N, C-alpha and C. Protein backbone atom coordinates (compact mmCIF):
# COMPACT_ATOMS: atom_id res chain seq x y z
N MET A 1 1.03 -1.09 -0.01
CA MET A 1 0.33 0.25 0.26
C MET A 1 1.41 1.33 0.05
N THR A 2 0.42 2.34 -0.83
CA THR A 2 1.48 2.86 -1.35
C THR A 2 0.24 4.45 -0.38
N ARG A 3 0.93 5.35 0.41
CA ARG A 3 1.23 6.61 1.19
C ARG A 3 2.13 7.06 1.62
N SER A 4 1.72 8.96 1.77
CA SER A 4 2.20 9.46 2.56
C SER A 4 2.90 9.06 4.12
N VAL A 5 3.66 9.31 4.12
CA VAL A 5 4.64 8.42 5.27
C VAL A 5 5.17 9.95 5.85
N ALA A 6 5.26 10.55 6.82
CA ALA A 6 6.30 11.42 7.72
C ALA A 6 6.51 10.84 8.78
N LEU A 7 8.22 11.41 9.14
CA LEU A 7 9.00 10.82 10.01
C LEU A 7 10.30 11.93 9.84
N THR A 8 10.80 11.67 11.20
CA THR A 8 11.73 12.97 11.63
C THR A 8 13.66 12.18 11.14
N VAL A 9 14.18 12.62 10.05
CA VAL A 9 15.27 11.74 10.19
C VAL A 9 16.65 12.72 10.53
N ASN A 10 17.72 13.31 11.14
CA ASN A 10 18.57 13.67 12.01
C ASN A 10 17.61 14.86 11.97
N GLY A 11 16.08 15.73 12.79
CA GLY A 11 16.06 16.22 13.49
C GLY A 11 15.08 17.55 12.27
N THR A 12 15.54 16.92 11.36
CA THR A 12 14.65 17.49 10.28
C THR A 12 13.64 16.56 9.23
N GLU A 13 12.01 17.32 9.86
CA GLU A 13 10.52 16.41 9.19
C GLU A 13 10.79 16.33 7.50
N HIS A 14 10.50 15.42 7.47
CA HIS A 14 9.96 14.38 6.10
C HIS A 14 8.86 13.94 5.77
N ALA A 15 8.53 14.35 4.67
CA ALA A 15 6.90 13.66 4.26
C ALA A 15 7.39 12.75 3.03
N PHE A 16 7.64 11.38 2.67
CA PHE A 16 7.04 10.67 1.07
C PHE A 16 6.27 10.09 1.26
N VAL A 17 5.73 10.05 -0.20
CA VAL A 17 4.99 8.69 -0.46
C VAL A 17 5.32 7.62 -1.31
N LEU A 18 5.87 6.88 -0.45
CA LEU A 18 6.02 5.48 -0.82
C LEU A 18 5.19 3.75 -0.62
N PRO A 19 5.54 2.87 -0.55
CA PRO A 19 5.15 1.67 -0.19
C PRO A 19 5.23 1.34 1.48
N VAL A 20 4.90 1.86 2.41
CA VAL A 20 4.73 1.31 3.42
C VAL A 20 5.37 0.01 4.05
N SER A 21 5.16 -1.27 3.20
CA SER A 21 6.75 -2.27 3.44
C SER A 21 7.50 -1.40 2.97
N THR A 22 8.38 -0.37 2.54
CA THR A 22 9.73 0.43 2.22
C THR A 22 10.38 -0.14 3.24
N PRO A 23 11.51 -0.85 3.31
CA PRO A 23 12.76 -0.68 4.11
C PRO A 23 13.25 0.61 4.20
N LEU A 24 13.46 0.80 5.34
CA LEU A 24 14.20 1.91 6.03
C LEU A 24 15.37 2.75 5.18
N ILE A 25 16.11 1.37 5.28
CA ILE A 25 17.25 1.79 4.23
C ILE A 25 17.26 2.29 3.09
N TYR A 26 16.01 1.99 2.08
CA TYR A 26 16.17 2.30 0.68
C TYR A 26 15.83 4.09 0.95
N LEU A 27 14.65 4.32 1.92
CA LEU A 27 14.64 5.45 1.80
C LEU A 27 15.69 6.14 2.15
N LEU A 28 16.70 5.58 3.42
CA LEU A 28 17.78 6.74 4.25
C LEU A 28 18.85 6.94 2.29
N ARG A 29 19.08 6.31 2.14
CA ARG A 29 20.20 5.99 1.43
C ARG A 29 20.11 6.44 -0.28
N ASN A 30 18.82 5.82 -0.75
CA ASN A 30 18.36 6.08 -1.97
C ASN A 30 17.42 7.97 -2.40
N ASP A 31 16.85 7.40 -1.14
CA ASP A 31 16.26 9.54 -1.48
C ASP A 31 16.37 10.33 -0.45
N LEU A 32 17.61 10.27 0.51
CA LEU A 32 17.96 11.33 1.87
C LEU A 32 19.81 11.06 1.01
N ALA A 33 19.98 10.40 0.22
CA ALA A 33 21.76 10.40 0.40
C ALA A 33 22.37 9.95 1.32
N LEU A 34 21.89 9.60 2.35
CA LEU A 34 22.74 9.25 3.83
C LEU A 34 22.98 7.99 3.65
N ASN A 35 24.76 7.92 3.24
CA ASN A 35 25.07 6.50 3.36
C ASN A 35 25.89 6.16 4.35
N GLY A 36 25.75 6.76 5.68
CA GLY A 36 25.92 6.09 6.82
C GLY A 36 25.37 5.10 7.12
N PRO A 37 24.36 4.40 7.19
CA PRO A 37 23.99 3.21 6.97
C PRO A 37 24.16 1.95 5.94
N LYS A 38 24.59 0.64 6.50
CA LYS A 38 25.41 0.61 5.17
C LYS A 38 24.11 -1.14 5.08
N PHE A 39 24.14 -0.90 3.71
CA PHE A 39 23.39 -2.68 3.45
C PHE A 39 24.35 -3.57 3.11
N GLY A 40 24.33 -4.61 4.41
CA GLY A 40 24.88 -5.73 4.51
C GLY A 40 24.55 -7.05 4.30
N CYS A 41 23.69 -7.25 4.95
CA CYS A 41 22.69 -9.04 5.15
C CYS A 41 21.33 -9.22 4.32
N GLY A 42 20.65 -8.09 4.57
CA GLY A 42 19.29 -7.49 4.16
C GLY A 42 18.06 -8.69 5.00
N LEU A 43 19.09 -9.00 5.94
CA LEU A 43 18.18 -9.86 6.97
C LEU A 43 18.19 -9.29 8.83
N GLY A 44 18.56 -8.47 8.41
CA GLY A 44 18.65 -7.79 10.45
C GLY A 44 19.75 -8.57 10.97
N GLU A 45 20.65 -9.05 10.56
CA GLU A 45 21.80 -9.84 11.08
C GLU A 45 23.26 -9.39 11.34
N CYS A 46 23.63 -8.79 10.72
CA CYS A 46 24.93 -8.00 10.77
C CYS A 46 25.69 -6.40 10.96
N GLY A 47 23.88 -5.78 11.32
CA GLY A 47 24.09 -4.76 12.34
C GLY A 47 24.88 -3.18 11.52
N ALA A 48 25.53 -3.86 10.03
CA ALA A 48 25.79 -2.58 8.90
C ALA A 48 24.87 -1.49 9.07
N CYS A 49 23.24 -2.03 9.21
CA CYS A 49 22.13 -0.85 8.14
C CYS A 49 22.56 -0.60 9.73
N THR A 50 22.76 0.04 10.74
CA THR A 50 21.91 0.37 12.34
C THR A 50 21.80 1.90 12.45
N VAL A 51 20.78 2.26 12.65
CA VAL A 51 20.15 3.34 12.87
C VAL A 51 19.17 3.73 14.52
N LEU A 52 19.13 4.61 14.86
CA LEU A 52 18.80 5.17 16.06
C LEU A 52 17.47 5.15 15.63
N VAL A 53 15.68 4.72 16.36
CA VAL A 53 14.99 4.89 15.76
C VAL A 53 13.95 5.36 17.25
N ASP A 54 13.36 6.47 17.77
CA ASP A 54 14.11 7.21 19.24
C ASP A 54 14.46 6.56 20.24
N GLY A 55 16.42 6.92 19.54
CA GLY A 55 17.12 6.76 20.50
C GLY A 55 17.04 4.77 21.10
N THR A 56 16.93 4.05 20.44
CA THR A 56 16.72 3.24 20.71
C THR A 56 17.22 1.96 18.91
N PRO A 57 18.58 1.53 19.28
CA PRO A 57 19.04 0.58 17.59
C PRO A 57 17.86 0.18 17.06
N ALA A 58 17.87 -0.29 16.01
CA ALA A 58 16.76 -0.90 14.64
C ALA A 58 17.65 -1.12 13.80
N ARG A 59 17.55 -2.02 12.77
CA ARG A 59 18.08 -2.30 11.97
C ARG A 59 17.44 -1.50 10.52
N SER A 60 17.74 -0.88 10.06
CA SER A 60 16.84 -0.28 8.91
C SER A 60 16.13 -1.26 7.67
N CYS A 61 17.71 -2.46 7.69
CA CYS A 61 17.10 -2.92 6.34
C CYS A 61 15.70 -3.82 6.42
N VAL A 62 15.47 -3.49 7.58
CA VAL A 62 14.04 -5.01 8.06
C VAL A 62 13.40 -4.19 8.49
N VAL A 63 13.44 -3.09 9.47
CA VAL A 63 12.39 -2.16 9.64
C VAL A 63 12.07 -1.00 7.77
N THR A 64 10.37 -1.66 8.35
CA THR A 64 9.97 -1.22 7.58
C THR A 64 9.03 0.84 7.61
N LEU A 65 8.84 1.61 6.28
CA LEU A 65 8.56 3.19 6.41
C LEU A 65 7.08 2.56 7.55
N GLY A 66 6.13 1.82 7.70
CA GLY A 66 5.14 2.02 7.95
C GLY A 66 5.06 2.27 9.60
N THR A 67 6.54 1.21 9.81
CA THR A 67 6.48 1.03 11.29
C THR A 67 7.37 2.30 12.00
N VAL A 68 7.78 3.23 11.16
CA VAL A 68 8.39 4.23 11.89
C VAL A 68 7.62 5.55 11.49
N GLU A 69 6.75 5.84 10.88
CA GLU A 69 5.89 6.74 10.65
C GLU A 69 5.61 7.47 11.62
N GLY A 70 5.83 8.70 12.30
CA GLY A 70 5.72 10.04 13.50
C GLY A 70 7.17 9.58 14.17
N ARG A 71 8.32 8.80 13.53
CA ARG A 71 9.23 8.80 14.60
C ARG A 71 10.52 9.66 13.89
N SER A 72 11.49 9.38 15.55
CA SER A 72 12.76 9.99 14.89
C SER A 72 13.50 9.23 15.04
N ILE A 73 14.17 9.77 13.30
CA ILE A 73 15.55 8.48 13.23
C ILE A 73 17.03 9.04 13.10
N LEU A 74 18.10 8.51 13.64
CA LEU A 74 19.31 9.34 13.74
C LEU A 74 19.99 8.12 12.90
N THR A 75 21.14 9.22 12.22
CA THR A 75 21.83 8.41 11.56
C THR A 75 22.97 8.39 11.77
N LEU A 76 24.02 8.08 11.20
CA LEU A 76 25.35 8.36 11.56
C LEU A 76 25.59 9.66 10.92
N GLU A 77 25.36 10.34 10.39
CA GLU A 77 25.08 12.03 9.57
C GLU A 77 24.68 12.79 10.61
N GLY A 78 23.59 11.90 11.40
CA GLY A 78 23.57 13.24 12.59
C GLY A 78 24.15 13.33 13.40
N LEU A 79 25.21 12.34 14.01
CA LEU A 79 25.76 12.60 15.23
C LEU A 79 26.56 13.78 15.58
N GLY A 80 27.52 14.05 14.22
CA GLY A 80 28.44 15.10 14.28
C GLY A 80 29.07 14.98 12.70
N THR A 81 29.86 15.73 12.60
CA THR A 81 30.46 16.13 11.00
C THR A 81 32.02 15.93 11.39
N PRO A 82 32.12 16.23 9.92
CA PRO A 82 33.90 15.44 9.61
C PRO A 82 34.70 16.72 10.79
N ASP A 83 34.35 17.98 10.86
CA ASP A 83 34.92 18.81 11.11
C ASP A 83 34.26 18.77 12.51
N ALA A 84 33.14 18.40 13.51
CA ALA A 84 33.08 18.31 14.59
C ALA A 84 32.67 16.92 15.21
N PRO A 85 32.75 15.78 15.20
CA PRO A 85 32.59 14.69 15.22
C PRO A 85 31.88 14.47 16.86
N HIS A 86 31.05 14.12 16.78
CA HIS A 86 30.56 13.14 18.16
C HIS A 86 31.60 12.63 19.32
N PRO A 87 31.40 12.48 20.35
CA PRO A 87 32.56 11.82 20.89
C PRO A 87 32.88 10.19 20.83
N VAL A 88 31.21 9.40 20.48
CA VAL A 88 31.77 8.37 20.11
C VAL A 88 33.09 7.95 18.58
N GLN A 89 31.99 9.05 18.08
CA GLN A 89 32.79 9.06 16.28
C GLN A 89 34.69 9.47 16.61
N ALA A 90 34.87 10.40 17.40
CA ALA A 90 36.02 10.88 18.25
C ALA A 90 36.85 9.91 18.78
N ALA A 91 36.04 9.04 19.71
CA ALA A 91 36.60 7.99 20.10
C ALA A 91 37.35 6.97 19.00
N PHE A 92 36.08 6.51 17.98
CA PHE A 92 36.82 5.46 17.52
C PHE A 92 37.70 5.57 16.11
N ILE A 93 37.67 7.25 15.63
CA ILE A 93 38.98 7.33 15.22
C ILE A 93 40.22 7.32 16.01
N THR A 94 40.52 8.15 16.88
CA THR A 94 41.58 7.92 18.11
C THR A 94 41.70 6.52 18.75
N GLU A 95 41.05 6.10 18.59
CA GLU A 95 41.26 4.34 18.79
C GLU A 95 41.70 3.80 17.64
N GLN A 96 41.52 3.93 16.15
CA GLN A 96 42.03 3.48 15.37
C GLN A 96 40.89 2.02 15.03
N ALA A 97 39.49 2.35 15.35
CA ALA A 97 38.91 1.12 15.21
C ALA A 97 38.15 0.67 13.84
N ALA A 98 39.23 0.84 13.30
CA ALA A 98 38.84 0.41 11.92
C ALA A 98 40.17 -0.21 10.76
N GLN A 99 39.10 -0.93 9.83
CA GLN A 99 40.22 -1.47 8.87
C GLN A 99 39.31 -1.57 7.58
N CYS A 100 38.37 -2.24 7.67
CA CYS A 100 37.64 -1.80 5.71
C CYS A 100 36.76 -0.71 5.75
N GLY A 101 36.13 -0.60 7.72
CA GLY A 101 34.41 0.35 7.77
C GLY A 101 33.69 0.29 7.43
N TYR A 102 33.34 -1.03 7.40
CA TYR A 102 31.85 -1.60 6.85
C TYR A 102 30.76 -1.75 8.08
N CYS A 103 31.58 -2.02 9.13
CA CYS A 103 30.45 -2.25 9.88
C CYS A 103 30.48 -0.91 10.97
N LEU A 104 31.33 -0.46 10.77
CA LEU A 104 31.77 0.62 11.92
C LEU A 104 29.74 1.90 11.64
N ASN A 105 29.32 1.89 11.14
CA ASN A 105 28.19 2.73 11.16
C ASN A 105 27.24 1.80 12.55
N GLY A 106 27.18 0.96 12.06
CA GLY A 106 26.36 0.07 12.94
C GLY A 106 27.31 0.04 14.48
N MET A 107 27.79 -0.39 14.76
CA MET A 107 29.31 -0.23 16.36
C MET A 107 28.72 1.71 16.13
N ILE A 108 28.69 2.25 15.81
CA ILE A 108 28.81 3.71 15.97
C ILE A 108 27.66 4.49 17.11
N MET A 109 26.56 3.52 16.41
CA MET A 109 25.20 3.81 16.57
C MET A 109 24.49 2.97 17.39
N THR A 110 25.12 2.11 17.53
CA THR A 110 24.60 1.28 18.74
C THR A 110 25.60 1.14 19.80
N THR A 111 27.09 1.91 20.10
CA THR A 111 27.49 2.71 20.71
C THR A 111 26.63 4.06 21.69
N THR A 112 26.30 4.53 20.77
CA THR A 112 25.41 5.90 21.41
C THR A 112 24.69 5.36 21.85
N ALA A 113 23.97 4.13 21.32
CA ALA A 113 22.53 4.25 22.23
C ALA A 113 22.69 3.32 23.68
N LEU A 114 24.32 2.75 23.26
CA LEU A 114 24.36 1.91 24.66
C LEU A 114 25.10 3.31 26.02
N LEU A 115 26.15 3.96 25.03
CA LEU A 115 25.78 5.49 26.23
C LEU A 115 24.81 6.36 26.68
N ALA A 116 24.25 6.02 25.51
CA ALA A 116 22.51 7.57 26.05
C ALA A 116 21.68 6.49 27.63
N ARG A 117 22.20 5.35 27.90
CA ARG A 117 21.34 4.50 29.10
C ARG A 117 22.43 4.13 29.73
N THR A 118 23.75 3.31 29.89
CA THR A 118 24.13 3.16 30.40
C THR A 118 25.69 4.29 30.03
N PRO A 119 25.81 5.07 30.85
CA PRO A 119 27.39 6.11 30.80
C PRO A 119 28.71 5.43 31.12
N ASP A 120 28.25 4.68 32.49
CA ASP A 120 29.69 3.56 32.51
C ASP A 120 29.50 2.44 32.38
N PRO A 121 29.82 1.98 31.39
CA PRO A 121 29.38 0.80 31.01
C PRO A 121 30.57 -0.55 31.51
N SER A 122 30.81 -1.24 31.98
CA SER A 122 31.22 -2.04 31.75
C SER A 122 32.32 -3.02 30.64
N GLU A 123 33.46 -3.42 30.89
CA GLU A 123 34.03 -4.19 28.93
C GLU A 123 32.55 -5.59 29.04
N ALA A 124 32.28 -6.34 29.88
CA ALA A 124 31.33 -6.86 29.70
C ALA A 124 29.22 -6.42 29.20
N GLU A 125 29.42 -5.51 29.44
CA GLU A 125 28.25 -4.40 28.77
C GLU A 125 28.80 -4.44 27.88
N VAL A 126 29.37 -3.65 27.49
CA VAL A 126 29.88 -3.12 26.04
C VAL A 126 30.00 -4.19 24.65
N ARG A 127 30.90 -5.54 25.14
CA ARG A 127 30.25 -6.72 25.04
C ARG A 127 28.70 -7.33 24.56
N ALA A 128 28.25 -7.65 25.54
CA ALA A 128 27.03 -7.88 25.36
C ALA A 128 26.45 -6.96 24.55
N ALA A 129 25.72 -5.09 24.35
CA ALA A 129 26.08 -4.44 23.43
C ALA A 129 25.48 -4.44 22.02
N LEU A 130 27.56 -4.86 21.35
CA LEU A 130 27.36 -4.83 20.47
C LEU A 130 28.02 -6.48 20.13
N ARG A 131 27.07 -7.33 20.76
CA ARG A 131 27.66 -8.68 20.11
C ARG A 131 26.83 -8.67 18.50
N PHE A 132 25.76 -8.40 18.36
CA PHE A 132 25.05 -8.23 17.25
C PHE A 132 25.75 -7.84 16.15
N ASN A 133 26.84 -7.02 16.40
CA ASN A 133 27.24 -5.92 15.39
C ASN A 133 28.62 -6.54 14.61
N LEU A 134 28.61 -7.27 13.43
CA LEU A 134 29.55 -7.93 12.66
C LEU A 134 30.21 -7.52 12.64
N CYS A 135 31.79 -7.79 12.39
CA CYS A 135 32.87 -7.48 11.98
C CYS A 135 34.20 -8.48 11.67
N ARG A 136 34.48 -8.47 10.65
CA ARG A 136 35.09 -9.66 10.19
C ARG A 136 36.79 -9.45 10.22
N CYS A 137 36.84 -7.95 10.22
CA CYS A 137 38.47 -7.43 9.70
C CYS A 137 39.29 -7.79 11.57
N GLY A 138 38.51 -8.30 12.41
CA GLY A 138 39.50 -8.29 13.94
C GLY A 138 39.35 -6.81 14.48
N THR A 139 38.78 -6.55 14.21
CA THR A 139 39.54 -4.92 15.18
C THR A 139 38.55 -4.49 16.15
N HIS A 140 37.68 -6.17 16.60
CA HIS A 140 37.20 -6.12 17.88
C HIS A 140 37.86 -5.76 18.78
N VAL A 141 38.87 -5.47 19.60
CA VAL A 141 39.90 -4.79 21.00
C VAL A 141 39.68 -3.46 20.44
N GLU A 142 39.87 -2.68 19.52
CA GLU A 142 40.06 -1.67 19.34
C GLU A 142 38.94 -0.89 19.32
N ILE A 143 37.52 -1.78 19.14
CA ILE A 143 36.01 -1.22 18.82
C ILE A 143 35.93 -1.52 20.50
N LEU A 144 36.06 -1.82 21.10
CA LEU A 144 36.01 -2.15 22.65
C LEU A 144 36.54 -1.00 23.33
N ARG A 145 38.01 -0.32 22.92
CA ARG A 145 38.36 0.40 23.55
C ARG A 145 37.86 1.65 22.92
N ALA A 146 37.36 1.46 21.97
CA ALA A 146 36.79 2.59 21.05
C ALA A 146 35.78 3.60 22.66
N VAL A 147 35.04 2.31 22.14
CA VAL A 147 33.33 2.51 23.44
C VAL A 147 34.05 2.98 24.90
N LEU A 148 35.22 2.26 25.10
CA LEU A 148 35.27 2.58 26.65
C LEU A 148 36.39 3.98 26.36
N ARG A 149 36.35 4.41 25.19
CA ARG A 149 37.32 6.08 25.20
C ARG A 149 36.15 7.20 25.52
N ALA A 150 35.04 6.48 24.29
CA ALA A 150 33.49 7.39 24.18
C ALA A 150 33.00 7.56 25.19
N ALA A 151 32.87 6.66 25.89
CA ALA A 151 32.60 6.79 27.37
C ALA A 151 32.96 7.77 28.26
N ARG A 152 34.12 7.43 28.38
CA ARG A 152 34.74 8.83 29.69
C ARG A 152 35.12 9.69 28.68
N LEU A 153 34.84 10.61 27.79
CA LEU A 153 34.99 11.40 26.86
C LEU A 153 33.29 12.16 27.33
N LEU A 154 32.51 11.02 27.17
CA LEU A 154 31.10 11.18 27.45
C LEU A 154 30.73 12.21 29.24
N ALA A 155 31.57 11.28 29.25
CA ALA A 155 31.45 11.94 30.91
C ALA A 155 32.07 13.38 31.52
N ASP A 156 33.10 13.70 29.88
CA ASP A 156 33.40 15.36 30.44
C ASP A 156 32.73 16.20 29.87
N GLN A 157 31.32 15.67 29.15
CA GLN A 157 30.49 16.34 28.42
C GLN A 157 28.69 16.88 29.22
N PRO A 158 28.87 17.21 30.16
CA PRO A 158 27.47 17.58 30.45
C PRO A 158 26.42 18.26 29.67
N GLY A 159 25.65 17.94 30.31
CA GLY A 159 23.78 18.36 29.52
C GLY A 159 23.49 17.22 29.03
N PRO A 160 22.04 17.62 28.56
CA PRO A 160 21.18 16.58 28.05
C PRO A 160 21.40 15.72 26.76
N ASP A 161 22.01 17.00 25.98
CA ASP A 161 22.58 16.54 24.61
C ASP A 161 23.59 16.13 24.14
N ALA A 162 24.44 15.90 25.73
CA ALA A 162 26.00 14.76 25.41
C ALA A 162 25.96 13.88 24.49
N VAL A 163 24.91 12.99 25.19
CA VAL A 163 24.91 11.76 23.92
C VAL A 163 24.02 11.69 23.10
N LEU A 164 22.96 11.69 22.80
CA LEU A 164 22.47 12.03 21.79
C LEU A 164 21.27 13.78 21.44
N PRO A 165 22.33 13.93 20.18
CA PRO A 165 21.70 15.27 20.00
C PRO A 165 20.23 14.91 20.03
N ALA A 166 20.15 16.64 20.08
CA ALA A 166 18.53 17.17 20.59
C ALA A 166 17.76 16.64 19.47
N GLY A 167 16.50 17.03 19.37
CA GLY A 167 15.67 16.33 18.04
C GLY A 167 14.65 15.42 19.06
N GLY A 168 14.47 15.22 19.57
CA GLY A 168 13.03 14.86 20.17
C GLY A 168 13.09 12.96 20.01
N LEU A 169 14.85 13.06 20.55
CA LEU A 169 14.88 11.53 20.89
C LEU A 169 14.82 11.25 22.62
N THR A 170 14.77 10.05 22.27
CA THR A 170 14.63 9.61 23.78
C THR A 170 15.50 8.78 24.34
N PRO A 171 16.51 8.77 24.97
CA PRO A 171 17.88 8.54 25.35
C PRO A 171 16.95 7.09 26.48
């Protein structure tokens, strides 16, 4: 069924006339040119396409437009900029937590959600949060260090928007 669907992406309201069964990733990548979410498995299993829906990680390859109508979507592009990266992005850069980089979108978005809910996670909590984000390059140690560094960076930034940018997202 095709109809108008309204949603907020990275703080900007949008309305599209598309089939409600369209996977969110297609709208993000094809219509909004947001290439942070990567198409990996198409089954919601690898995590490369992770976005935050009202502050909660969601696999945009299996989430349909009909299920996110009226909700707030945050993508990697909504976190920070190349000149002013979000603390989670900055920590991943500092720790060189990338090899091919394909998984990083999911790792960063999942980390952002984790730190919004658990500001000082243990190593076990980090591993549990990221267990469904696949990385085949072997940068798991660097990713773990990046998450713990991000927690320290965010602890030094007071305010309600330190972890999740303003725009209707609920931590």
